[in-house]
Protein backbone atom coordinates (compact mmCIF):
# COMPACT_ATOMS: atom_id res chain seq x y z
CA MET A 1 59.14 60.54 180.03
CA ALA A 2 62.51 61.60 178.62
CA VAL A 3 63.47 62.80 175.15
CA LEU A 4 66.98 62.78 173.67
CA ALA A 5 68.48 65.21 171.11
CA ILE A 6 71.62 64.23 169.19
CA TYR A 7 73.49 66.86 167.15
CA PRO A 8 76.82 66.12 165.43
CA HIS A 9 78.63 69.33 164.49
CA ALA A 10 82.20 69.60 163.18
CA SER A 11 84.35 67.61 165.63
CA THR A 12 81.79 67.47 168.45
CA LEU A 13 78.65 65.51 169.28
CA HIS A 14 76.19 67.68 171.23
CA VAL A 15 73.62 65.77 173.30
CA GLN A 16 70.65 66.99 175.35
CA VAL A 17 68.15 65.07 177.45
CA SER A 18 64.87 66.57 178.64
CA ALA A 19 62.76 64.88 181.31
CA HIS A 20 60.04 66.64 183.32
CA GLN A 21 61.79 69.73 184.74
CA LEU A 22 65.25 68.39 183.92
CA SER A 23 67.24 69.54 180.89
CA GLU A 24 70.92 68.59 180.69
CA THR A 25 73.48 68.84 177.89
CA THR A 26 76.90 67.34 177.26
CA THR A 27 79.41 66.88 174.44
CA PHE A 28 81.57 64.04 173.16
CA PRO A 29 84.36 63.99 170.54
CA LEU A 30 83.15 62.77 167.15
CA ARG A 31 86.47 61.04 166.48
CA LEU A 32 85.04 58.13 168.50
CA SER A 33 83.11 55.33 166.82
CA ASP A 34 79.31 55.43 166.66
CA GLN A 35 79.11 52.52 169.11
CA ASP A 36 81.47 54.19 171.58
CA LEU A 37 79.40 57.37 171.43
CA VAL A 38 76.16 55.53 172.14
CA ASP A 39 77.83 53.76 175.07
CA LEU A 40 78.99 57.12 176.45
CA ILE A 41 75.50 58.58 176.08
CA GLN A 42 74.06 55.58 177.95
CA ASN A 43 76.59 56.02 180.78
CA TRP A 44 75.81 59.74 180.94
CA LEU A 45 72.08 59.05 181.18
CA GLY A 46 72.79 56.46 183.87
CA HIS A 47 74.61 59.02 186.02
CA MET A 48 71.38 61.05 186.00
CA LYS A 49 69.30 57.99 186.84
CA ILE A 50 67.60 58.06 183.43
CA ALA A 51 67.02 54.57 182.06
CA THR A 52 67.15 54.17 178.28
CA SER A 53 63.82 52.35 178.56
CA SER A 54 62.24 55.61 179.76
CA LEU A 55 63.09 57.46 176.52
CA LYS A 56 59.94 58.31 174.58
CA PHE A 57 61.94 59.08 171.44
CA ALA A 58 65.14 60.71 170.14
CA VAL A 59 65.71 63.36 167.48
CA THR A 60 68.65 64.28 165.27
CA ASN A 61 69.49 66.04 161.99
CA GLY A 62 70.68 64.78 158.61
CA HIS A 63 70.46 64.88 154.81
CA LEU A 64 67.86 63.39 152.47
CA PRO A 65 68.37 61.41 149.27
CA PRO A 66 67.48 63.36 146.07
CA GLY A 67 63.80 63.88 145.33
CA CYS A 68 62.51 63.97 148.91
CA PRO A 69 60.89 67.01 150.59
CA SER A 70 62.06 68.25 153.97
CA GLY A 71 59.92 67.84 157.09
CA LEU A 72 59.73 65.45 160.03
CA TYR A 73 60.96 61.94 159.20
CA ALA A 74 61.02 58.64 161.03
CA LEU A 75 64.55 57.23 160.90
CA SER A 76 64.87 54.43 158.35
CA ARG A 77 67.59 52.70 156.31
CA GLY A 78 67.17 55.32 153.58
CA PHE A 79 69.11 57.76 155.76
CA LEU A 80 72.02 55.34 156.19
CA GLN A 81 73.25 55.30 152.59
CA PRO A 82 77.03 55.95 152.61
CA HIS A 83 76.93 58.82 150.09
CA LEU A 84 74.72 60.85 152.45
CA ASN A 85 77.40 60.87 155.19
CA ASN A 86 74.69 61.05 157.86
CA ARG A 87 76.44 60.78 161.24
CA GLY A 88 73.36 61.74 163.26
CA PRO A 89 71.12 59.06 161.71
CA ARG A 90 73.91 56.46 162.04
CA ILE A 91 74.15 57.11 165.77
CA GLY A 92 70.36 57.29 165.91
CA GLN A 93 70.09 53.86 164.28
CA LEU A 94 72.12 52.33 167.12
CA VAL A 95 69.90 54.10 169.66
CA LYS A 96 66.86 52.74 167.86
CA GLU A 97 68.17 49.16 167.72
CA MET A 98 69.79 48.92 171.16
CA TRP A 99 67.24 50.85 173.21
CA LYS A 100 64.09 50.16 171.14
CA THR A 101 63.55 53.91 170.94
CA PRO A 102 61.86 55.70 168.00
CA VAL A 103 64.15 58.23 166.31
CA TYR A 104 63.05 61.19 164.18
CA ILE A 105 65.00 63.40 161.76
CA ILE A 106 64.13 67.09 162.02
CA ASP A 107 63.98 69.09 158.76
CA PRO A 108 66.79 67.22 156.96
CA SER A 109 68.40 69.13 154.09
CA SER A 110 66.65 68.46 150.79
CA LEU A 111 67.99 68.89 147.27
CA LEU A 112 64.36 69.20 146.20
CA GLU A 113 64.28 72.65 147.83
CA CYS A 114 67.56 73.83 146.32
CA ASP A 115 67.23 76.04 143.24
CA PRO A 116 68.55 74.05 140.24
CA LEU A 117 70.66 77.10 139.34
CA ALA A 118 72.43 76.80 142.69
CA ARG A 119 73.58 73.25 141.99
CA VAL A 120 75.57 74.08 138.82
CA THR A 121 79.31 74.44 139.43
CA GLY A 122 80.77 75.00 135.97
CA THR A 123 82.15 71.46 135.80
CA PRO A 124 79.59 68.87 134.57
CA GLU A 125 81.08 66.11 136.74
CA ILE A 126 80.55 68.06 139.98
CA ASN A 127 77.35 69.45 141.49
CA ARG A 128 76.92 71.63 144.57
CA GLY A 129 75.28 69.81 147.44
CA CYS A 130 73.29 72.59 149.23
CA ARG A 131 73.81 70.61 152.43
CA CYS A 132 73.67 73.28 155.11
CA ASP A 133 72.08 72.60 158.48
CA SER A 134 68.68 73.60 157.13
CA PHE A 135 66.97 72.53 160.36
CA ILE A 136 68.81 75.37 162.15
CA PHE A 137 68.05 77.86 159.38
CA LYS A 138 64.34 77.05 159.45
CA HIS A 139 64.23 77.17 163.25
CA LEU A 140 65.77 80.65 163.29
CA VAL A 141 63.48 81.93 160.55
CA ARG A 142 60.43 80.66 162.48
CA LEU A 143 61.64 82.54 165.57
CA GLU A 144 62.25 85.70 163.55
CA GLU A 145 58.88 85.53 161.79
CA GLU A 146 57.10 85.08 165.12
CA ASP A 147 59.04 87.90 166.77
CA ARG A 148 58.36 90.35 163.93
CA GLY A 149 54.79 89.34 163.16
CA ILE A 150 55.64 88.02 159.70
CA PRO A 151 53.18 85.35 158.48
CA ARG A 152 54.54 81.85 159.01
CA ALA A 153 56.59 80.42 156.12
CA SER A 154 56.34 83.63 154.06
CA GLY A 155 59.68 85.28 154.83
CA ASN A 156 62.88 85.64 152.80
CA PHE A 157 66.01 85.59 154.95
CA ILE A 158 69.76 85.14 154.73
CA VAL A 159 70.99 82.94 157.58
CA ALA A 160 74.59 82.57 158.74
CA HIS A 161 75.38 80.01 161.45
CA LEU A 162 78.94 80.96 162.39
CA ASP A 163 80.38 78.22 164.56
CA GLU A 164 83.09 75.55 164.30
CA GLU A 165 81.66 75.09 160.82
CA ILE A 166 80.25 78.04 158.91
CA HIS A 167 76.90 77.54 157.19
CA ILE A 168 75.45 80.40 155.13
CA GLY A 169 72.35 80.24 152.95
CA VAL A 170 68.92 81.49 151.99
CA ILE A 171 65.50 80.52 153.32
CA SER A 172 62.61 81.62 151.10
CA GLN A 173 59.08 80.73 152.16
CA ASP A 174 60.35 77.92 154.40
CA GLN A 175 62.55 76.44 151.65
CA MET A 176 66.35 76.41 151.73
CA ILE A 177 66.89 77.44 148.12
CA ASP A 178 70.67 77.92 148.28
CA GLY A 179 73.46 77.43 150.79
CA GLY A 180 77.05 76.49 151.40
CA ILE A 181 79.25 75.11 154.17
CA SER A 182 82.91 75.73 155.04
CA VAL A 183 83.70 72.03 154.62
CA GLU A 184 83.17 72.52 150.88
CA GLU A 185 83.18 76.22 149.94
CA GLY A 186 82.81 79.80 151.12
CA PRO A 187 84.65 81.34 154.10
CA PHE A 188 87.18 79.42 156.15
CA ALA A 189 86.12 78.36 159.65
CA TRP A 190 87.62 76.83 162.80
CA GLN A 191 89.41 73.94 161.08
CA GLN A 192 88.10 74.10 157.50
CA ALA A 193 89.79 75.99 154.69
CA GLY A 194 86.61 76.93 152.83
CA ALA A 195 87.06 77.80 149.14
CA LEU A 196 90.67 77.62 147.92
CA PRO A 197 92.53 78.76 144.79
CA PHE A 198 92.47 75.86 142.33
CA ASP A 199 96.23 75.75 141.63
CA GLY A 200 97.10 75.80 145.31
CA LEU A 201 94.66 73.00 146.06
CA LEU A 202 96.17 70.86 143.31
CA ASP A 203 99.63 71.47 144.76
CA LEU A 204 98.38 70.25 148.16
CA CYS A 205 96.97 67.12 146.53
CA LEU A 206 100.25 66.38 144.76
CA GLU A 207 102.31 66.96 147.90
CA ALA A 208 100.15 64.66 150.00
CA GLN A 209 99.73 61.99 147.31
CA ASP A 210 96.85 60.69 149.39
CA ARG A 211 93.19 61.73 149.28
CA LYS A 212 92.60 61.30 153.01
CA ALA A 213 95.71 63.30 153.90
CA THR A 214 94.63 66.15 151.63
CA LEU A 215 91.11 66.18 153.06
CA ARG A 216 92.55 66.17 156.57
CA ARG A 217 94.79 69.13 155.70
CA VAL A 218 91.96 71.31 154.34
CA GLY A 219 89.20 70.01 156.63
CA GLU A 220 90.87 69.51 160.00
CA GLU A 221 94.16 71.44 160.02
CA SER A 222 93.29 74.73 158.31
CA GLY A 223 91.10 77.72 159.13
CA LEU A 224 91.45 79.64 162.37
CA GLN A 225 93.18 76.74 164.07
CA GLY A 226 95.70 76.41 161.27
CA TYR A 227 96.50 80.12 161.19
CA LEU A 228 96.57 80.76 164.95
CA GLY A 229 97.76 77.40 166.33
CA LEU A 230 94.93 77.22 168.87
CA LYS A 231 93.90 74.00 170.59
CA GLN A 232 90.30 74.76 171.60
CA PHE A 233 87.56 76.79 169.96
CA GLN A 234 87.05 78.78 173.18
CA ASP A 235 90.63 80.09 172.89
CA LEU A 236 89.39 82.44 170.15
CA TYR A 237 88.05 84.78 172.82
CA THR A 238 91.49 85.32 174.40
CA VAL A 239 93.86 85.38 171.44
CA SER A 240 95.33 88.77 170.50
CA GLY A 241 98.09 90.36 168.47
CA GLU A 242 98.61 91.75 164.97
CA HIS A 243 98.52 88.36 163.23
CA ALA A 244 95.32 87.28 165.03
CA THR A 245 93.67 90.59 164.13
CA LEU A 246 94.56 90.11 160.47
CA VAL A 247 93.10 86.58 160.43
CA PHE A 248 89.87 87.65 162.16
CA GLN A 249 89.45 90.59 159.78
CA ALA A 250 90.01 88.24 156.85
CA LEU A 251 87.27 85.96 158.16
CA ILE A 252 84.91 88.91 158.58
CA HIS A 253 85.79 89.97 155.03
CA GLN A 254 84.98 86.52 153.64
CA VAL A 255 81.75 86.07 155.61
CA SER A 256 80.60 89.54 154.54
CA LYS A 257 81.25 88.76 150.87
CA GLU A 258 79.38 85.47 151.15
CA ILE A 259 76.35 87.11 152.77
CA GLY A 260 76.42 89.78 150.06
CA ALA A 261 76.47 87.08 147.39
CA TYR A 262 73.41 85.39 148.90
CA ALA A 263 71.63 88.74 148.99
CA THR A 264 71.64 88.62 145.19
CA VAL A 265 69.79 85.27 145.30
CA LEU A 266 66.88 87.19 146.83
CA LYS A 267 67.43 90.09 144.38
CA GLY A 268 68.12 92.40 147.30
CA GLN A 269 64.71 91.69 148.86
CA ALA A 270 65.85 89.93 152.04
CA GLN A 271 63.67 90.74 155.04
CA GLY A 272 66.64 90.27 157.29
CA ILE A 273 70.00 88.66 157.98
CA LEU A 274 70.11 86.23 160.90
CA LEU A 275 73.53 85.75 162.51
CA ALA A 276 73.91 82.80 164.88
CA GLY A 277 76.61 80.55 166.31
CA GLU A 278 79.44 80.77 168.82
CA LEU A 279 81.28 83.46 166.83
CA VAL A 280 78.32 85.79 167.38
CA LYS A 281 79.34 85.86 171.06
CA HIS A 282 82.61 87.55 169.98
CA GLU A 283 81.66 91.24 170.30
CA SER A 284 84.35 92.81 168.12
CA PHE A 285 83.85 90.14 165.44
CA VAL A 286 80.10 90.61 165.21
CA SER A 287 80.21 94.43 165.39
CA ASP A 288 82.68 94.60 162.50
CA LEU A 289 80.61 92.09 160.54
CA ILE A 290 77.40 94.08 161.06
CA ALA A 291 79.17 97.25 159.92
CA ASN A 292 79.89 95.52 156.60
CA ILE A 293 76.43 94.04 155.95
CA LYS A 294 73.85 96.29 157.63
CA PHE A 295 73.09 98.09 154.35
CA LEU A 296 71.58 94.80 153.12
CA GLY A 297 68.78 94.80 155.70
CA THR A 298 67.84 94.22 159.32
CA VAL A 299 70.42 92.16 161.21
CA SER A 300 69.24 89.91 164.07
CA LEU A 301 71.56 88.08 166.46
CA TYR A 302 71.15 84.60 167.93
CA PRO A 303 74.40 84.04 169.89
CA GLY A 304 75.59 80.51 170.52
CA ASN A 305 75.27 77.26 168.64
CA GLN A 306 71.61 76.78 167.74
CA GLY A 307 71.63 73.06 166.91
CA LEU A 308 70.10 71.75 170.13
CA SER A 309 67.60 74.62 170.25
CA ALA A 310 66.44 73.72 166.76
CA LEU A 311 66.11 70.04 167.69
CA LYS A 312 64.20 71.00 170.82
CA GLN A 313 61.71 72.87 168.63
CA GLY A 314 61.49 69.69 166.55
CA ILE A 315 60.67 67.70 169.69
CA GLN A 316 57.67 69.96 170.30
CA ARG A 317 56.51 69.40 166.72
CA VAL A 318 56.67 65.62 167.20
CA LEU A 319 54.77 65.91 170.49
CA SER A 320 52.19 68.09 168.71
CA ASN A 321 51.51 65.20 166.31
CA GLU A 322 52.82 66.97 163.22
CA PRO A 323 52.69 64.42 160.37
CA ILE A 324 55.73 62.13 160.18
CA ILE A 325 57.09 61.17 156.76
CA ASP A 326 58.43 57.67 156.07
CA LEU A 327 61.51 57.33 153.86
CA LYS A 328 61.40 53.87 152.32
CA LEU A 329 64.45 52.29 150.68
CA GLU A 330 63.78 49.66 148.06
CA GLU A 331 66.47 47.24 146.91
CA SER A 332 66.03 48.42 143.32
CA ASP A 333 66.23 52.10 144.23
CA ALA A 334 69.56 53.49 145.44
CA TYR A 335 68.03 56.82 146.38
CA GLY A 336 65.02 55.81 148.45
CA VAL A 337 61.32 56.50 147.99
CA CYS A 338 59.53 59.26 149.88
């Protein structure tokens, strides 16, 4: 029996296969089409002598339509609606159709959990999405609760997954009540600009005169890569100099402010701050960050990207026969029925 985990993050697709004593991971560039990615995964499995027919099931992450609770979901057409921008479920749908393999979505982000206050932006035409990787947040909180003897699903934590994308938010009693991502707001990240001054953003839009070009500028050509001219994320660990130091300190400054802002969501009653992601491997970065935020509460570190670890925990929940929710999409209902 083999089980596949599929995790799209920023510009990279992370894939893991587990079979008996074997556990192997690989990555592919997300600029490729969904079909090309599935073909590459199949070739990769073939090199390890794992037939697609031997897969028991696959898991991935994603976002839910409004009005649906988070949990374990069987993949269905409801996850494929264009406005959800669900890359994992789209790839999973091809896996399901081509390989006749069941696919499950682990703790997809749910607007039902998000505090209504957190969705208001100040402009009636625009709402905040609260679309962090909640499956990672919940995974880390479960680990922290278990490690500290806190009753399951009772804790209040600030979680920051600091990776190619930066996700920061609040988990309260197993609900992601508020959160933001560098693609849309908050601190800048590897390629994303994060929140920008309104006038400057309008100037960028007018200069580009093209929506896609503007989105590419702020979502793929900004952040650490834009400031430092680096080619690969791993280059962050070797870059040095006065300009690089300034940029890193600015990122620490912005992440610290964002964590402080989320502390107010919990009225200063956070039981801890969980720092995870590849940037947590950067010793000087994380030590300076902790110096800024330690007054807010206990800080726990989970170095490295936690996406596949969270999906692996989801695999165990599926194998343990945790109830699976069906998301049905009716022709008359654009949002799906849970």
